[in-house]
Amino acid sequence: MAPGPGLPASLALCRPRARASPDHRAPECPVPGTVLLLLAYLAYLALGTCVFWVLERPAARDSSARFQRDKWALLQNFTCLDGPALDSLIRGIVQAYQNGDIVLGNTTSMGRWEFMGSFFFSVSTVTTIGYGNLSPRTMAARLFCIFFALVGIPLNLVVLNRLGHLMQRGMHRCARRLGGARQDPTKARWLAGAGALLLGLLLFLLLPPLLFCHMEGWSYVESFYFAFITLSTVGFGDYVIGMDPSRRYPLWYKNTVSLWILFGMAWLALIIKFTLSLLETPRGACSRYHYSCKENFKPRSCRQSPDGEAEPRLPQPGCRPEEPMGIRQHPEPSTQASCCGKDN
């Protein structure tokens, strides 16, 4: 379609494959960003692998060598005990510990499968923490655990989502009140977010370790480590509450810890969601760029070719040719081209 005699000469540049200018370039395909994200992910895993390998390998070698020295010293001191018998004894001790039995002193059981122990196991199952220190031994309990987790894990996610919404709603109310008092909504949102972060750190990560120090005899660093590993659902199982047979635990202890796990996971999920919103880069598309006719651009008047170049649509009846993307024209009012609509 040839331009009319009254149109500016610059409109004749609108060809079927007009390249976008560097200033207003069409968004590229997100595949390179995905590749960079995967590379960063693998690099982070490699970093963790190297650090853990450097820090833990010497300690593991020392522990293994120490155990072998103690084992051979025991065999030399007690000649009536041979190597296979000692290995059988060690395997029995390990199996007894996995079954929840204690071979120290007169205590033979820690009550793991009593009512409170079973309740704590149910909490650790539906929250996907899975400490690994306790697992069902009977086949009937294993089969029930499968169906219990199939229903319990989604139910737990729904509960955590609802608790997270309640926490977020409370934070928004605080932000509205602060915004009304300070007449600055932006600062009010930042203050409310910072307050929620500090309050959550205090209630779920800084104060609970004090309780664990008192009830379990751990140091504060060990208790803080257990708190974060639990709330993040990593659950290594190296530190678990209620496992010391020499201590007496009140009935309210595991109930309180279960409630702390539930609300703490909801709060930590909010923090992780906020962190993800900061780390993820927005992925734009051509339809996200809305330009008005007076600003010389409009996304509905352009297409994007497979190689990422801008490609104008065919003019509709009664429409005049459009300008190529990136060329800004200022025609006279009598010759101004419209974007497939009525002229102003």
C-alpha atoms as a PDB file:
ATOM      1  CA  MET A   1       0.000   0.000   0.000  1.00  0.00           C
ATOM      2  CA  ALA A   2       1.703   3.176  -1.157  1.00  0.00           C
ATOM      3  CA  PRO A   3       1.577   6.224   1.121  1.00  0.00           C
ATOM      4  CA  GLY A   4      -0.753   9.006   0.142  1.00  0.00           C
ATOM      5  CA  PRO A   5       0.522  12.288  -1.174  1.00  0.00           C
ATOM      6  CA  GLY A   6      -0.253  14.103   2.051  1.00  0.00           C
ATOM      7  CA  LEU A   7       1.672  11.735   4.340  1.00  0.00           C
ATOM      8  CA  PRO A   8       5.208  12.424   5.550  1.00  0.00           C
ATOM      9  CA  ALA A   9       7.995  10.765   3.611  1.00  0.00           C
ATOM     10  CA  SER A  10       9.199   8.966   6.749  1.00  0.00           C
ATOM     11  CA  LEU A  11       6.083   6.789   6.762  1.00  0.00           C
ATOM     12  CA  ALA A  12       7.259   5.126   3.565  1.00  0.00           C
ATOM     13  CA  LEU A  13       9.896   3.336   5.667  1.00  0.00           C
ATOM     14  CA  CYS A  14       7.232   1.028   7.127  1.00  0.00           C
ATOM     15  CA  ARG A  15       8.217  -2.190   5.373  1.00  0.00           C
ATOM     16  CA  PRO A  16       7.176  -5.746   6.285  1.00  0.00           C
ATOM     17  CA  ARG A  17      10.333  -6.333   8.382  1.00  0.00           C
ATOM     18  CA  ALA A  18      11.308  -3.118  10.060  1.00  0.00           C
ATOM     19  CA  ARG A  19      14.034  -3.421  12.669  1.00  0.00           C
ATOM     20  CA  ALA A  20      13.492  -1.958  16.094  1.00  0.00           C
ATOM     21  CA  SER A  21      15.788   0.776  17.241  1.00  0.00           C
ATOM     22  CA  PRO A  22      18.155   0.117  20.175  1.00  0.00           C
ATOM     23  CA  ASP A  23      16.146   2.428  22.419  1.00  0.00           C
ATOM     24  CA  HIS A  24      12.848   0.566  22.003  1.00  0.00           C
ATOM     25  CA  ARG A  25      13.967  -2.951  21.219  1.00  0.00           C
ATOM     26  CA  ALA A  26      11.437  -5.758  21.456  1.00  0.00           C
ATOM     27  CA  PRO A  27      11.963  -8.182  24.353  1.00  0.00           C
ATOM     28  CA  GLU A  28      14.087 -11.187  23.540  1.00  0.00           C
ATOM     29  CA  CYS A  29      13.260 -14.818  24.112  1.00  0.00           C
ATOM     30  CA  PRO A  30      13.692 -15.857  27.792  1.00  0.00           C
ATOM     31  CA  VAL A  31      15.792 -18.921  26.897  1.00  0.00           C
ATOM     32  CA  PRO A  32      19.173 -17.175  27.492  1.00  0.00           C
ATOM     33  CA  GLY A  33      17.917 -16.035  30.895  1.00  0.00           C
ATOM     34  CA  THR A  34      16.899 -19.604  31.741  1.00  0.00           C
ATOM     35  CA  VAL A  35      20.320 -20.883  30.714  1.00  0.00           C
ATOM     36  CA  LEU A  36      22.025 -18.271  32.884  1.00  0.00           C
ATOM     37  CA  LEU A  37      19.767 -19.198  35.801  1.00  0.00           C
ATOM     38  CA  LEU A  38      20.657 -22.893  35.440  1.00  0.00           C
ATOM     39  CA  LEU A  39      24.351 -22.040  35.242  1.00  0.00           C
ATOM     40  CA  ALA A  40      24.089 -19.910  38.379  1.00  0.00           C
ATOM     41  CA  TYR A  41      22.225 -22.750  40.109  1.00  0.00           C
ATOM     42  CA  LEU A  42      24.896 -25.293  39.182  1.00  0.00           C
ATOM     43  CA  ALA A  43      27.650 -22.886  40.216  1.00  0.00           C
ATOM     44  CA  TYR A  44      25.984 -22.420  43.610  1.00  0.00           C
ATOM     45  CA  LEU A  45      25.734 -26.183  44.072  1.00  0.00           C
ATOM     46  CA  ALA A  46      29.404 -26.511  43.106  1.00  0.00           C
ATOM     47  CA  LEU A  47      30.293 -23.853  45.667  1.00  0.00           C
ATOM     48  CA  GLY A  48      28.406 -25.696  48.403  1.00  0.00           C
ATOM     49  CA  THR A  49      29.992 -28.989  47.376  1.00  0.00           C
ATOM     50  CA  CYS A  50      33.507 -27.574  47.618  1.00  0.00           C
ATOM     51  CA  VAL A  51      32.929 -25.834  50.947  1.00  0.00           C
ATOM     52  CA  PHE A  52      31.338 -28.883  52.603  1.00  0.00           C
ATOM     53  CA  TRP A  53      34.032 -31.143  51.168  1.00  0.00           C
ATOM     54  CA  VAL A  54      36.818 -28.948  52.558  1.00  0.00           C
ATOM     55  CA  LEU A  55      35.207 -28.436  55.972  1.00  0.00           C
ATOM     56  CA  GLU A  56      33.758 -31.872  56.705  1.00  0.00           C
ATOM     57  CA  ARG A  57      36.198 -34.293  55.068  1.00  0.00           C
ATOM     58  CA  PRO A  58      38.988 -33.912  57.693  1.00  0.00           C
ATOM     59  CA  ALA A  59      36.476 -34.251  60.554  1.00  0.00           C
ATOM     60  CA  ALA A  60      35.003 -37.391  58.990  1.00  0.00           C
ATOM     61  CA  ARG A  61      38.463 -38.936  58.580  1.00  0.00           C
ATOM     62  CA  ASP A  62      39.371 -38.143  62.198  1.00  0.00           C
ATOM     63  CA  SER A  63      36.105 -39.623  63.459  1.00  0.00           C
ATOM     64  CA  SER A  64      36.576 -42.811  61.461  1.00  0.00           C
ATOM     65  CA  ALA A  65      40.192 -43.194  62.603  1.00  0.00           C
ATOM     66  CA  ARG A  66      39.199 -42.569  66.221  1.00  0.00           C
ATOM     67  CA  PHE A  67      36.495 -45.211  66.042  1.00  0.00           C
ATOM     68  CA  GLN A  68      38.880 -47.766  64.558  1.00  0.00           C
ATOM     69  CA  ARG A  69      41.465 -47.050  67.278  1.00  0.00           C
ATOM     70  CA  ASP A  70      38.850 -47.500  70.009  1.00  0.00           C
ATOM     71  CA  LYS A  71      37.645 -50.697  68.400  1.00  0.00           C
ATOM     72  CA  TRP A  72      41.116 -52.268  68.213  1.00  0.00           C
ATOM     73  CA  ALA A  73      41.936 -51.106  71.733  1.00  0.00           C
ATOM     74  CA  LEU A  74      38.765 -52.834  72.965  1.00  0.00           C
ATOM     75  CA  LEU A  75      39.738 -56.037  71.179  1.00  0.00           C
ATOM     76  CA  GLN A  76      43.251 -55.945  72.651  1.00  0.00           C
ATOM     77  CA  ASN A  77      42.000 -55.356  76.204  1.00  0.00           C
ATOM     78  CA  PHE A  78      39.275 -57.986  76.015  1.00  0.00           C
ATOM     79  CA  THR A  79      40.845 -60.972  74.279  1.00  0.00           C
ATOM     80  CA  CYS A  80      37.731 -63.081  74.741  1.00  0.00           C
ATOM     81  CA  LEU A  81      35.929 -60.806  72.296  1.00  0.00           C
ATOM     82  CA  ASP A  82      36.799 -61.269  68.636  1.00  0.00           C
ATOM     83  CA  GLY A  83      36.199 -58.949  65.682  1.00  0.00           C
ATOM     84  CA  PRO A  84      33.009 -60.523  64.241  1.00  0.00           C
ATOM     85  CA  ALA A  85      31.374 -60.592  67.667  1.00  0.00           C
ATOM     86  CA  LEU A  86      32.171 -56.904  68.221  1.00  0.00           C
ATOM     87  CA  ASP A  87      30.806 -56.002  64.784  1.00  0.00           C
ATOM     88  CA  SER A  88      27.622 -57.888  65.576  1.00  0.00           C
ATOM     89  CA  LEU A  89      27.318 -55.970  68.850  1.00  0.00           C
ATOM     90  CA  ILE A  90      27.780 -52.648  67.053  1.00  0.00           C
ATOM     91  CA  ARG A  91      25.123 -53.518  64.494  1.00  0.00           C
ATOM     92  CA  GLY A  92      22.744 -54.408  67.305  1.00  0.00           C
ATOM     93  CA  ILE A  93      23.366 -51.066  69.001  1.00  0.00           C
ATOM     94  CA  VAL A  94      22.723 -49.159  65.780  1.00  0.00           C
ATOM     95  CA  GLN A  95      19.543 -51.125  65.114  1.00  0.00           C
ATOM     96  CA  ALA A  96      18.339 -50.540  68.667  1.00  0.00           C
ATOM     97  CA  TYR A  97      18.869 -46.802  68.303  1.00  0.00           C
ATOM     98  CA  GLN A  98      16.928 -46.750  65.044  1.00  0.00           C
ATOM     99  CA  ASN A  99      14.061 -48.610  66.729  1.00  0.00           C
ATOM    100  CA  GLY A 100      13.982 -46.062  69.537  1.00  0.00           C
ATOM    101  CA  ASP A 101      15.616 -48.207  72.190  1.00  0.00           C
ATOM    102  CA  ILE A 102      18.377 -47.029  74.501  1.00  0.00           C
ATOM    103  CA  VAL A 103      21.100 -49.356  75.740  1.00  0.00           C
ATOM    104  CA  LEU A 104      22.609 -46.903  78.241  1.00  0.00           C
ATOM    105  CA  GLY A 105      21.734 -47.379  81.888  1.00  0.00           C
ATOM    106  CA  ASN A 106      18.418 -48.941  82.875  1.00  0.00           C
ATOM    107  CA  THR A 107      16.378 -47.070  80.261  1.00  0.00           C
ATOM    108  CA  THR A 108      15.363 -49.262  77.343  1.00  0.00           C
ATOM    109  CA  SER A 109      12.901 -46.993  75.526  1.00  0.00           C
ATOM    110  CA  MET A 110      12.488 -43.280  74.944  1.00  0.00           C
ATOM    111  CA  GLY A 111       8.744 -43.507  74.414  1.00  0.00           C
ATOM    112  CA  ARG A 112       8.955 -42.483  70.771  1.00  0.00           C
ATOM    113  CA  TRP A 113       5.712 -44.235  69.898  1.00  0.00           C
ATOM    114  CA  GLU A 114       3.739 -43.050  72.885  1.00  0.00           C
ATOM    115  CA  PHE A 115       0.899 -40.617  72.222  1.00  0.00           C
ATOM    116  CA  MET A 116       3.053 -37.457  72.212  1.00  0.00           C
ATOM    117  CA  GLY A 117       5.816 -39.135  70.233  1.00  0.00           C
ATOM    118  CA  SER A 118       3.316 -40.306  67.616  1.00  0.00           C
ATOM    119  CA  PHE A 119       1.852 -36.808  67.419  1.00  0.00           C
ATOM    120  CA  PHE A 120       5.271 -35.291  66.806  1.00  0.00           C
ATOM    121  CA  PHE A 121       5.967 -37.911  64.141  1.00  0.00           C
ATOM    122  CA  SER A 122       2.691 -36.982  62.413  1.00  0.00           C
ATOM    123  CA  VAL A 123       3.696 -33.302  62.446  1.00  0.00           C
ATOM    124  CA  SER A 124       7.122 -34.062  61.012  1.00  0.00           C
ATOM    125  CA  THR A 125       5.476 -36.157  58.272  1.00  0.00           C
ATOM    126  CA  VAL A 126       2.881 -33.681  56.984  1.00  0.00           C
ATOM    127  CA  THR A 127       5.342 -30.784  57.196  1.00  0.00           C
ATOM    128  CA  THR A 128       7.866 -32.840  55.124  1.00  0.00           C
ATOM    129  CA  ILE A 129      10.592 -32.228  57.732  1.00  0.00           C
ATOM    130  CA  GLY A 130      11.385 -35.935  58.087  1.00  0.00           C
ATOM    131  CA  TYR A 131      14.145 -35.924  60.695  1.00  0.00           C
ATOM    132  CA  GLY A 132      15.029 -39.531  59.894  1.00  0.00           C
ATOM    133  CA  ASN A 133      15.487 -40.552  63.508  1.00  0.00           C
ATOM    134  CA  LEU A 134      12.109 -42.252  63.603  1.00  0.00           C
ATOM    135  CA  SER A 135      10.268 -44.286  61.008  1.00  0.00           C
ATOM    136  CA  PRO A 136       7.481 -46.909  61.074  1.00  0.00           C
ATOM    137  CA  ARG A 137       8.625 -50.513  61.299  1.00  0.00           C
ATOM    138  CA  THR A 138       5.447 -52.473  60.673  1.00  0.00           C
ATOM    139  CA  MET A 139       4.171 -52.861  57.117  1.00  0.00           C
ATOM    140  CA  ALA A 140       0.681 -51.697  58.085  1.00  0.00           C
ATOM    141  CA  ALA A 141       2.086 -48.468  59.526  1.00  0.00           C
ATOM    142  CA  ARG A 142       4.204 -47.898  56.416  1.00  0.00           C
ATOM    143  CA  LEU A 143       1.211 -48.278  54.117  1.00  0.00           C
ATOM    144  CA  PHE A 144      -0.855 -45.960  56.303  1.00  0.00           C
ATOM    145  CA  CYS A 145       2.004 -43.444  56.292  1.00  0.00           C
ATOM    146  CA  ILE A 146       1.837 -43.277  52.474  1.00  0.00           C
ATOM    147  CA  PHE A 147      -1.869 -42.394  52.396  1.00  0.00           C
ATOM    148  CA  PHE A 148      -1.532 -40.172  55.449  1.00  0.00           C
ATOM    149  CA  ALA A 149       1.175 -38.132  53.706  1.00  0.00           C
ATOM    150  CA  LEU A 150      -0.737 -37.985  50.400  1.00  0.00           C
ATOM    151  CA  VAL A 151      -3.611 -36.180  52.108  1.00  0.00           C
ATOM    152  CA  GLY A 152      -1.706 -34.513  54.926  1.00  0.00           C
ATOM    153  CA  ILE A 153       0.951 -32.721  52.859  1.00  0.00           C
ATOM    154  CA  PRO A 154      -1.539 -30.811  50.648  1.00  0.00           C
ATOM    155  CA  LEU A 155      -3.664 -30.070  53.714  1.00  0.00           C
ATOM    156  CA  ASN A 156      -0.606 -28.717  55.488  1.00  0.00           C
ATOM    157  CA  LEU A 157       0.187 -26.504  52.485  1.00  0.00           C
ATOM    158  CA  VAL A 158      -3.364 -25.121  52.527  1.00  0.00           C
ATOM    159  CA  VAL A 159      -3.078 -24.349  56.246  1.00  0.00           C
ATOM    160  CA  LEU A 160       0.306 -22.685  55.772  1.00  0.00           C
ATOM    161  CA  ASN A 161      -1.067 -20.651  52.880  1.00  0.00           C
ATOM    162  CA  ARG A 162      -4.005 -19.481  54.980  1.00  0.00           C
ATOM    163  CA  LEU A 163      -1.750 -18.572  57.898  1.00  0.00           C
ATOM    164  CA  GLY A 164       0.543 -16.723  55.514  1.00  0.00           C
ATOM    165  CA  HIS A 165      -2.395 -14.732  54.161  1.00  0.00           C
ATOM    166  CA  LEU A 166      -3.444 -13.817  57.702  1.00  0.00           C
ATOM    167  CA  MET A 167       0.074 -12.636  58.498  1.00  0.00           C
ATOM    168  CA  GLN A 168       0.229 -10.668  55.260  1.00  0.00           C
ATOM    169  CA  ARG A 169      -3.149  -9.104  55.934  1.00  0.00           C
ATOM    170  CA  GLY A 170      -1.995  -7.999  59.370  1.00  0.00           C
ATOM    171  CA  MET A 171       1.111  -6.486  57.814  1.00  0.00           C
ATOM    172  CA  HIS A 172      -1.032  -4.597  55.278  1.00  0.00           C
ATOM    173  CA  ARG A 173      -3.240  -3.245  58.071  1.00  0.00           C
ATOM    174  CA  CYS A 174      -0.181  -1.963  59.883  1.00  0.00           C
ATOM    175  CA  ALA A 175       1.038  -0.401  56.632  1.00  0.00           C
ATOM    176  CA  ARG A 176      -2.308   1.365  56.093  1.00  0.00           C
ATOM    177  CA  ARG A 177      -2.307   2.719  59.621  1.00  0.00           C
ATOM    178  CA  LEU A 178       1.264   3.902  59.354  1.00  0.00           C
ATOM    179  CA  GLY A 179       0.518   5.412  55.944  1.00  0.00           C
ATOM    180  CA  GLY A 180      -2.439   7.320  57.329  1.00  0.00           C
ATOM    181  CA  ALA A 181      -0.369   8.640  60.212  1.00  0.00           C
ATOM    182  CA  ARG A 182       2.733   9.520  58.202  1.00  0.00           C
ATOM    183  CA  GLN A 183       1.047  10.428  54.914  1.00  0.00           C
ATOM    184  CA  ASP A 184       3.663   8.364  53.084  1.00  0.00           C
ATOM    185  CA  PRO A 185       2.426   4.939  51.845  1.00  0.00           C
ATOM    186  CA  THR A 186       5.826   3.880  50.463  1.00  0.00           C
ATOM    187  CA  LYS A 187       7.672   4.371  53.734  1.00  0.00           C
ATOM    188  CA  ALA A 188       4.751   2.808  55.590  1.00  0.00           C
ATOM    189  CA  ARG A 189       5.014  -0.383  53.526  1.00  0.00           C
ATOM    190  CA  TRP A 190       8.755  -0.580  54.113  1.00  0.00           C
ATOM    191  CA  LEU A 191       8.301  -0.014  57.857  1.00  0.00           C
ATOM    192  CA  ALA A 192       5.566  -2.664  58.063  1.00  0.00           C
ATOM    193  CA  GLY A 193       7.687  -5.170  56.132  1.00  0.00           C
ATOM    194  CA  ALA A 194      10.735  -4.501  58.293  1.00  0.00           C
ATOM    195  CA  GLY A 195       8.611  -4.823  61.428  1.00  0.00           C
ATOM    196  CA  ALA A 196       7.172  -8.159  60.287  1.00  0.00           C
ATOM    197  CA  LEU A 197      10.667  -9.423  59.473  1.00  0.00           C
ATOM    198  CA  LEU A 198      12.111  -8.397  62.843  1.00  0.00           C
ATOM    199  CA  LEU A 199       9.099  -9.685  64.782  1.00  0.00           C
ATOM    200  CA  GLY A 200       9.287 -13.045  62.972  1.00  0.00           C
ATOM    201  CA  LEU A 201      13.014 -13.305  63.614  1.00  0.00           C
ATOM    202  CA  LEU A 202      12.391 -12.649  67.287  1.00  0.00           C
ATOM    203  CA  LEU A 203       9.461 -15.042  67.726  1.00  0.00           C
ATOM    204  CA  PHE A 204      10.585 -17.926  65.501  1.00  0.00           C
ATOM    205  CA  LEU A 205      14.387 -17.876  65.307  1.00  0.00           C
ATOM    206  CA  LEU A 206      15.855 -15.916  68.219  1.00  0.00           C
ATOM    207  CA  LEU A 207      13.675 -16.705  71.258  1.00  0.00           C
ATOM    208  CA  PRO A 208      12.875 -20.448  70.698  1.00  0.00           C
ATOM    209  CA  PRO A 209      16.570 -21.452  70.924  1.00  0.00           C
ATOM    210  CA  LEU A 210      16.505 -20.224  74.523  1.00  0.00           C
ATOM    211  CA  LEU A 211      13.824 -22.822  75.272  1.00  0.00           C
ATOM    212  CA  PHE A 212      15.830 -25.536  73.535  1.00  0.00           C
ATOM    213  CA  CYS A 213      18.928 -24.562  75.515  1.00  0.00           C
ATOM    214  CA  HIS A 214      17.002 -25.005  78.759  1.00  0.00           C
ATOM    215  CA  MET A 215      15.139 -28.214  77.852  1.00  0.00           C
ATOM    216  CA  GLU A 216      17.775 -30.035  75.784  1.00  0.00           C
ATOM    217  CA  GLY A 217      21.053 -28.745  77.225  1.00  0.00           C
ATOM    218  CA  TRP A 218      22.285 -27.519  73.831  1.00  0.00           C
ATOM    219  CA  SER A 219      24.298 -24.399  73.228  1.00  0.00           C
ATOM    220  CA  TYR A 220      22.548 -21.374  71.710  1.00  0.00           C
ATOM    221  CA  VAL A 221      24.281 -21.900  68.351  1.00  0.00           C
ATOM    222  CA  GLU A 222      23.174 -25.542  68.257  1.00  0.00           C
ATOM    223  CA  SER A 223      19.621 -24.534  69.185  1.00  0.00           C
ATOM    224  CA  PHE A 224      19.525 -21.812  66.528  1.00  0.00           C
ATOM    225  CA  TYR A 225      20.835 -24.310  63.991  1.00  0.00           C
ATOM    226  CA  PHE A 226      18.074 -26.770  64.931  1.00  0.00           C
ATOM    227  CA  ALA A 227      15.437 -24.017  64.670  1.00  0.00           C
ATOM    228  CA  PHE A 228      16.408 -23.002  61.145  1.00  0.00           C
ATOM    229  CA  ILE A 229      16.908 -26.567  59.888  1.00  0.00           C
ATOM    230  CA  THR A 230      13.458 -27.451  61.224  1.00  0.00           C
ATOM    231  CA  LEU A 231      11.550 -24.438  59.873  1.00  0.00           C
ATOM    232  CA  SER A 232      13.185 -24.741  56.472  1.00  0.00           C
ATOM    233  CA  THR A 233      12.000 -28.416  56.396  1.00  0.00           C
ATOM    234  CA  VAL A 234      15.556 -29.618  55.738  1.00  0.00           C
ATOM    235  CA  GLY A 235      15.435 -31.839  58.824  1.00  0.00           C
ATOM    236  CA  PHE A 236      18.826 -33.530  58.959  1.00  0.00           C
ATOM    237  CA  GLY A 237      17.966 -35.334  62.183  1.00  0.00           C
ATOM    238  CA  ASP A 238      21.274 -34.671  63.919  1.00  0.00           C
ATOM    239  CA  TYR A 239      19.410 -32.533  66.481  1.00  0.00           C
ATOM    240  CA  VAL A 240      15.909 -33.610  67.515  1.00  0.00           C
ATOM    241  CA  ILE A 241      13.995 -32.596  70.616  1.00  0.00           C
ATOM    242  CA  GLY A 242      13.026 -35.116  73.283  1.00  0.00           C
ATOM    243  CA  MET A 243      15.826 -37.567  72.519  1.00  0.00           C
ATOM    244  CA  ASP A 244      17.873 -37.395  75.710  1.00  0.00           C
ATOM    245  CA  PRO A 245      16.900 -40.339  77.986  1.00  0.00           C
ATOM    246  CA  SER A 246      18.493 -38.671  81.006  1.00  0.00           C
ATOM    247  CA  ARG A 247      16.051 -35.721  80.874  1.00  0.00           C
ATOM    248  CA  ARG A 248      12.395 -35.465  81.770  1.00  0.00           C
ATOM    249  CA  TYR A 249      10.251 -33.572  79.284  1.00  0.00           C
ATOM    250  CA  PRO A 250       6.874 -32.063  80.241  1.00  0.00           C
ATOM    251  CA  LEU A 251       3.806 -32.902  78.199  1.00  0.00           C
ATOM    252  CA  TRP A 252       3.382 -29.343  76.877  1.00  0.00           C
ATOM    253  CA  TYR A 253       6.881 -29.293  75.405  1.00  0.00           C
ATOM    254  CA  LYS A 254       6.285 -31.151  72.144  1.00  0.00           C
ATOM    255  CA  ASN A 255       2.861 -29.549  71.698  1.00  0.00           C
ATOM    256  CA  THR A 256       4.412 -26.099  71.929  1.00  0.00           C
ATOM    257  CA  VAL A 257       7.179 -27.068  69.532  1.00  0.00           C
ATOM    258  CA  SER A 258       4.583 -28.388  67.052  1.00  0.00           C
ATOM    259  CA  LEU A 259       2.713 -25.058  67.083  1.00  0.00           C
ATOM    260  CA  TRP A 260       6.006 -23.221  66.707  1.00  0.00           C
ATOM    261  CA  ILE A 261       6.817 -25.357  63.658  1.00  0.00           C
ATOM    262  CA  LEU A 262       3.442 -24.611  62.041  1.00  0.00           C
ATOM    263  CA  PHE A 263       3.494 -20.812  62.479  1.00  0.00           C
ATOM    264  CA  GLY A 264       7.246 -20.587  61.908  1.00  0.00           C
ATOM    265  CA  MET A 265       6.989 -22.391  58.572  1.00  0.00           C
ATOM    266  CA  ALA A 266       4.232 -19.991  57.482  1.00  0.00           C
ATOM    267  CA  TRP A 267       6.389 -17.001  58.382  1.00  0.00           C
ATOM    268  CA  LEU A 268       9.492 -18.426  56.705  1.00  0.00           C
ATOM    269  CA  ALA A 269       7.443 -19.187  53.576  1.00  0.00           C
ATOM    270  CA  LEU A 270       6.503 -15.495  53.419  1.00  0.00           C
ATOM    271  CA  ILE A 271      10.156 -14.503  53.711  1.00  0.00           C
ATOM    272  CA  ILE A 272      11.183 -16.972  50.989  1.00  0.00           C
ATOM    273  CA  LYS A 273       8.373 -15.701  48.745  1.00  0.00           C
ATOM    274  CA  PHE A 274       9.538 -12.125  49.258  1.00  0.00           C
ATOM    275  CA  THR A 275      13.135 -13.139  48.492  1.00  0.00           C
ATOM    276  CA  LEU A 276      12.020 -14.895  45.312  1.00  0.00           C
ATOM    277  CA  SER A 277      10.176 -11.773  44.188  1.00  0.00           C
ATOM    278  CA  LEU A 278      13.412  -9.838  44.570  1.00  0.00           C
ATOM    279  CA  LEU A 279      15.605 -12.411  42.805  1.00  0.00           C
ATOM    280  CA  GLU A 280      13.373 -13.247  39.860  1.00  0.00           C
ATOM    281  CA  THR A 281      13.768 -10.952  36.876  1.00  0.00           C
ATOM    282  CA  PRO A 282      10.622  -9.845  35.060  1.00  0.00           C
ATOM    283  CA  ARG A 283      10.169 -11.503  31.706  1.00  0.00           C
ATOM    284  CA  GLY A 284       8.500  -9.071  29.350  1.00  0.00           C
ATOM    285  CA  ALA A 285       6.655  -9.744  26.161  1.00  0.00           C
ATOM    286  CA  CYS A 286       5.699  -7.513  23.294  1.00  0.00           C
ATOM    287  CA  SER A 287       2.146  -7.271  24.567  1.00  0.00           C
ATOM    288  CA  ARG A 288       3.308  -5.805  27.857  1.00  0.00           C
ATOM    289  CA  TYR A 289       4.481  -2.611  26.238  1.00  0.00           C
ATOM    290  CA  HIS A 290       1.510  -0.339  25.811  1.00  0.00           C
ATOM    291  CA  TYR A 291       2.100   2.833  23.894  1.00  0.00           C
ATOM    292  CA  SER A 292      -0.483   5.421  23.065  1.00  0.00           C
ATOM    293  CA  CYS A 293      -0.948   6.780  19.583  1.00  0.00           C
ATOM    294  CA  LYS A 294       0.386  10.162  20.560  1.00  0.00           C
ATOM    295  CA  GLU A 295       3.514   8.519  21.971  1.00  0.00           C
ATOM    296  CA  ASN A 296       4.170   6.922  18.569  1.00  0.00           C
ATOM    297  CA  PHE A 297       3.963   3.282  19.800  1.00  0.00           C
ATOM    298  CA  LYS A 298       1.257   0.726  20.423  1.00  0.00           C
ATOM    299  CA  PRO A 299       1.823  -3.033  20.871  1.00  0.00           C
ATOM    300  CA  ARG A 300      -1.318  -4.092  19.064  1.00  0.00           C
ATOM    301  CA  SER A 301       0.063  -2.606  15.857  1.00  0.00           C
ATOM    302  CA  CYS A 302       3.141  -4.790  15.785  1.00  0.00           C
ATOM    303  CA  ARG A 303       4.071  -8.441  15.722  1.00  0.00           C
ATOM    304  CA  GLN A 304       7.239 -10.191  16.675  1.00  0.00           C
ATOM    305  CA  SER A 305       8.898 -12.406  14.107  1.00  0.00           C
ATOM    306  CA  PRO A 306      10.453 -15.715  15.169  1.00  0.00           C
ATOM    307  CA  ASP A 307      13.936 -14.182  15.166  1.00  0.00           C
ATOM    308  CA  GLY A 308      12.887 -11.411  17.543  1.00  0.00           C
ATOM    309  CA  GLU A 309      12.470  -8.596  15.027  1.00  0.00           C
ATOM    310  CA  ALA A 310       9.489  -6.283  14.997  1.00  0.00           C
ATOM    311  CA  GLU A 311       7.056  -6.934  12.205  1.00  0.00           C
ATOM    312  CA  PRO A 312       4.157  -4.556  11.496  1.00  0.00           C
ATOM    313  CA  ARG A 313       0.685  -5.860  10.867  1.00  0.00           C
ATOM    314  CA  LEU A 314      -1.047  -5.295   7.605  1.00  0.00           C
ATOM    315  CA  PRO A 315      -3.059  -2.077   7.705  1.00  0.00           C
ATOM    316  CA  GLN A 316      -6.762  -2.508   8.122  1.00  0.00           C
ATOM    317  CA  PRO A 317      -9.271  -0.768   5.889  1.00  0.00           C
ATOM    318  CA  GLY A 318      -9.429   2.906   6.661  1.00  0.00           C
ATOM    319  CA  CYS A 319      -6.048   2.858   8.424  1.00  0.00           C
ATOM    320  CA  ARG A 320      -2.919   4.549   7.357  1.00  0.00           C
ATOM    321  CA  PRO A 321       0.561   3.006   7.450  1.00  0.00           C
ATOM    322  CA  GLU A 322       2.265   3.121  10.803  1.00  0.00           C
ATOM    323  CA  GLU A 323       5.705   4.286  11.698  1.00  0.00           C
ATOM    324  CA  PRO A 324       8.428   1.690  12.223  1.00  0.00           C
ATOM    325  CA  MET A 325       9.288   1.061  15.876  1.00  0.00           C
ATOM    326  CA  GLY A 326      11.980   3.312  17.154  1.00  0.00           C
ATOM    327  CA  ILE A 327      11.400   6.164  14.633  1.00  0.00           C
ATOM    328  CA  ARG A 328       9.766   9.074  16.303  1.00  0.00           C
ATOM    329  CA  GLN A 329       8.056  11.496  14.001  1.00  0.00           C
ATOM    330  CA  HIS A 330       6.352  14.784  14.619  1.00  0.00           C
ATOM    331  CA  PRO A 331       4.161  15.329  11.553  1.00  0.00           C
ATOM    332  CA  GLU A 332       2.005  18.291  11.095  1.00  0.00           C
ATOM    333  CA  PRO A 333      -1.486  18.112  12.605  1.00  0.00           C
ATOM    334  CA  SER A 334      -3.076  17.871   9.168  1.00  0.00           C
ATOM    335  CA  THR A 335      -0.963  14.862   8.167  1.00  0.00           C
ATOM    336  CA  GLN A 336      -0.734  12.983  11.523  1.00  0.00           C
ATOM    337  CA  ALA A 337      -1.069   9.193  11.093  1.00  0.00           C
ATOM    338  CA  SER A 338      -3.323   7.324  13.482  1.00  0.00           C
ATOM    339  CA  CYS A 339      -2.763   3.886  14.975  1.00  0.00           C
ATOM    340  CA  CYS A 340      -5.447   1.940  13.152  1.00  0.00           C
ATOM    341  CA  GLY A 341      -8.183   4.142  14.542  1.00  0.00           C
ATOM    342  CA  LYS A 342      -9.755   7.473  14.021  1.00  0.00           C
ATOM    343  CA  ASP A 343      -7.543  10.492  13.744  1.00  0.00           C
ATOM    344  CA  ASN A 344      -7.502  12.899  16.615  1.00  0.00           C
END
